Amino acid sequence: METKEEVLAEIEKLKSQLTGDMFQDMEIKDTIHNLEMKVNGVKPMDTHIDCIGCGS
């Protein structure tokens, strides 16, 4: 299992890959969002429980 610091480092790495093109960045942003939910202790999107914070 990854530590919080490892997940945060992964988020920063992904953010550095963003291009500003919404369509190119969509997959990266989705991954960042899932990692941020993991760090914040929110259920990831692949569970059957809806995320209250963002409505996913």
N, C-alpha and C. Protein backbone atom coordinates (compact mmCIF):
# COMPACT_ATOMS: atom_id res chain seq x y z
N MET A 1 0.84 -1.20 0.00
CA MET A 1 0.00 0.00 0.00
C MET A 1 0.88 1.25 0.00
N GLU A 2 0.49 2.23 -0.77
CA GLU A 2 1.25 3.46 -0.87
C GLU A 2 1.01 4.35 0.34
N THR A 3 2.06 5.07 0.70
CA THR A 3 1.90 6.04 1.78
C THR A 3 1.27 7.31 1.22
N LYS A 4 0.79 8.15 2.12
CA LYS A 4 0.18 9.42 1.70
C LYS A 4 1.20 10.25 0.91
N GLU A 5 2.45 10.23 1.36
CA GLU A 5 3.49 11.01 0.68
C GLU A 5 3.73 10.50 -0.74
N GLU A 6 3.69 9.16 -0.92
CA GLU A 6 3.89 8.59 -2.26
C GLU A 6 2.74 8.98 -3.19
N VAL A 7 1.53 8.97 -2.67
CA VAL A 7 0.37 9.35 -3.48
C VAL A 7 0.45 10.83 -3.84
N LEU A 8 0.82 11.67 -2.88
CA LEU A 8 0.96 13.11 -3.16
C LEU A 8 2.05 13.37 -4.20
N ALA A 9 3.14 12.61 -4.14
CA ALA A 9 4.23 12.75 -5.13
C ALA A 9 3.72 12.35 -6.51
N GLU A 10 2.92 11.29 -6.58
CA GLU A 10 2.33 10.85 -7.84
C GLU A 10 1.40 11.92 -8.40
N ILE A 11 0.61 12.56 -7.54
CA ILE A 11 -0.29 13.64 -7.97
C ILE A 11 0.53 14.78 -8.57
N GLU A 12 1.60 15.17 -7.89
CA GLU A 12 2.45 16.26 -8.40
C GLU A 12 3.07 15.90 -9.74
N LYS A 13 3.50 14.65 -9.88
CA LYS A 13 4.09 14.18 -11.14
C LYS A 13 3.05 14.29 -12.26
N LEU A 14 1.83 13.86 -11.98
CA LEU A 14 0.77 13.92 -12.98
C LEU A 14 0.42 15.37 -13.33
N LYS A 15 0.37 16.25 -12.32
CA LYS A 15 0.06 17.66 -12.58
C LYS A 15 1.09 18.29 -13.50
N SER A 16 2.34 17.84 -13.40
CA SER A 16 3.40 18.40 -14.26
C SER A 16 3.22 17.96 -15.72
N GLN A 17 2.41 16.93 -15.95
CA GLN A 17 2.18 16.43 -17.31
C GLN A 17 0.98 17.09 -17.99
N LEU A 18 0.24 17.92 -17.25
CA LEU A 18 -0.92 18.58 -17.83
C LEU A 18 -0.50 19.55 -18.92
N THR A 19 -1.27 19.56 -20.03
CA THR A 19 -0.91 20.38 -21.18
C THR A 19 -1.75 21.64 -21.31
N GLY A 20 -2.90 21.68 -20.62
CA GLY A 20 -3.81 22.80 -20.80
C GLY A 20 -4.88 22.48 -21.84
N ASP A 21 -4.71 21.38 -22.58
CA ASP A 21 -5.70 20.93 -23.54
C ASP A 21 -6.70 20.03 -22.80
N MET A 22 -7.94 20.47 -22.69
CA MET A 22 -8.94 19.77 -21.89
C MET A 22 -9.06 18.29 -22.30
N PHE A 23 -9.05 18.02 -23.59
CA PHE A 23 -9.25 16.65 -24.05
C PHE A 23 -8.03 15.77 -23.76
N GLN A 24 -6.84 16.31 -23.93
CA GLN A 24 -5.64 15.55 -23.62
C GLN A 24 -5.49 15.34 -22.12
N ASP A 25 -5.90 16.33 -21.34
CA ASP A 25 -5.72 16.29 -19.88
C ASP A 25 -6.80 15.49 -19.15
N MET A 26 -7.88 15.14 -19.84
CA MET A 26 -9.02 14.51 -19.17
C MET A 26 -8.63 13.25 -18.40
N GLU A 27 -7.87 12.36 -19.02
CA GLU A 27 -7.48 11.12 -18.35
C GLU A 27 -6.55 11.38 -17.17
N ILE A 28 -5.61 12.31 -17.35
CA ILE A 28 -4.67 12.65 -16.27
C ILE A 28 -5.45 13.26 -15.10
N LYS A 29 -6.38 14.17 -15.39
CA LYS A 29 -7.16 14.81 -14.33
C LYS A 29 -8.02 13.79 -13.59
N ASP A 30 -8.54 12.80 -14.32
CA ASP A 30 -9.35 11.76 -13.68
C ASP A 30 -8.48 10.96 -12.72
N THR A 31 -7.28 10.63 -13.15
CA THR A 31 -6.35 9.89 -12.29
C THR A 31 -5.98 10.71 -11.07
N ILE A 32 -5.70 12.00 -11.26
CA ILE A 32 -5.37 12.91 -10.15
C ILE A 32 -6.54 12.94 -9.17
N HIS A 33 -7.75 13.07 -9.69
CA HIS A 33 -8.95 13.14 -8.84
C HIS A 33 -9.08 11.87 -8.00
N ASN A 34 -8.87 10.71 -8.63
CA ASN A 34 -8.97 9.44 -7.90
C ASN A 34 -7.90 9.35 -6.82
N LEU A 35 -6.68 9.81 -7.12
CA LEU A 35 -5.61 9.78 -6.12
C LEU A 35 -5.90 10.73 -4.97
N GLU A 36 -6.45 11.91 -5.30
CA GLU A 36 -6.79 12.88 -4.25
C GLU A 36 -7.88 12.32 -3.34
N MET A 37 -8.85 11.61 -3.91
CA MET A 37 -9.90 10.99 -3.10
C MET A 37 -9.29 9.93 -2.18
N LYS A 38 -8.32 9.20 -2.70
CA LYS A 38 -7.65 8.17 -1.91
C LYS A 38 -6.92 8.81 -0.72
N VAL A 39 -6.21 9.90 -0.98
CA VAL A 39 -5.48 10.62 0.06
C VAL A 39 -6.44 11.17 1.12
N ASN A 40 -7.59 11.69 0.66
CA ASN A 40 -8.54 12.32 1.56
C ASN A 40 -9.49 11.32 2.22
N GLY A 41 -9.32 10.04 1.91
CA GLY A 41 -10.14 9.02 2.54
C GLY A 41 -11.55 8.92 2.01
N VAL A 42 -11.77 9.44 0.81
CA VAL A 42 -13.08 9.36 0.17
C VAL A 42 -13.11 8.08 -0.67
N LYS A 43 -14.26 7.47 -0.81
CA LYS A 43 -14.38 6.25 -1.60
C LYS A 43 -13.97 6.50 -3.05
N PRO A 44 -13.12 5.64 -3.62
CA PRO A 44 -12.76 5.79 -5.04
C PRO A 44 -13.96 5.51 -5.95
N MET A 45 -13.87 5.98 -7.18
CA MET A 45 -14.99 5.89 -8.11
C MET A 45 -15.34 4.45 -8.49
N ASP A 46 -14.44 3.51 -8.32
CA ASP A 46 -14.73 2.14 -8.74
C ASP A 46 -15.50 1.35 -7.68
N THR A 47 -15.98 2.02 -6.64
CA THR A 47 -16.82 1.36 -5.65
C THR A 47 -18.28 1.65 -5.99
N HIS A 48 -19.18 0.98 -5.32
CA HIS A 48 -20.60 1.17 -5.59
C HIS A 48 -21.21 2.28 -4.76
N ILE A 49 -20.41 2.95 -3.96
CA ILE A 49 -20.90 4.03 -3.10
C ILE A 49 -20.57 5.37 -3.77
N ASP A 50 -21.56 6.23 -3.90
CA ASP A 50 -21.34 7.52 -4.53
C ASP A 50 -20.48 8.43 -3.65
N CYS A 51 -19.70 9.25 -4.31
CA CYS A 51 -18.89 10.26 -3.64
C CYS A 51 -19.79 11.45 -3.33
N ILE A 52 -19.96 11.78 -2.08
CA ILE A 52 -20.84 12.87 -1.69
C ILE A 52 -20.24 14.22 -2.10
N GLY A 53 -18.90 14.33 -2.00
CA GLY A 53 -18.23 15.60 -2.26
C GLY A 53 -18.40 16.11 -3.67
N CYS A 54 -18.28 15.22 -4.66
CA CYS A 54 -18.33 15.68 -6.04
C CYS A 54 -19.49 15.10 -6.83
N GLY A 55 -20.24 14.16 -6.23
CA GLY A 55 -21.38 13.58 -6.92
C GLY A 55 -21.03 12.52 -7.92
N SER A 56 -19.78 12.08 -7.97
CA SER A 56 -19.38 11.03 -8.91
C SER A 56 -20.05 9.72 -8.61
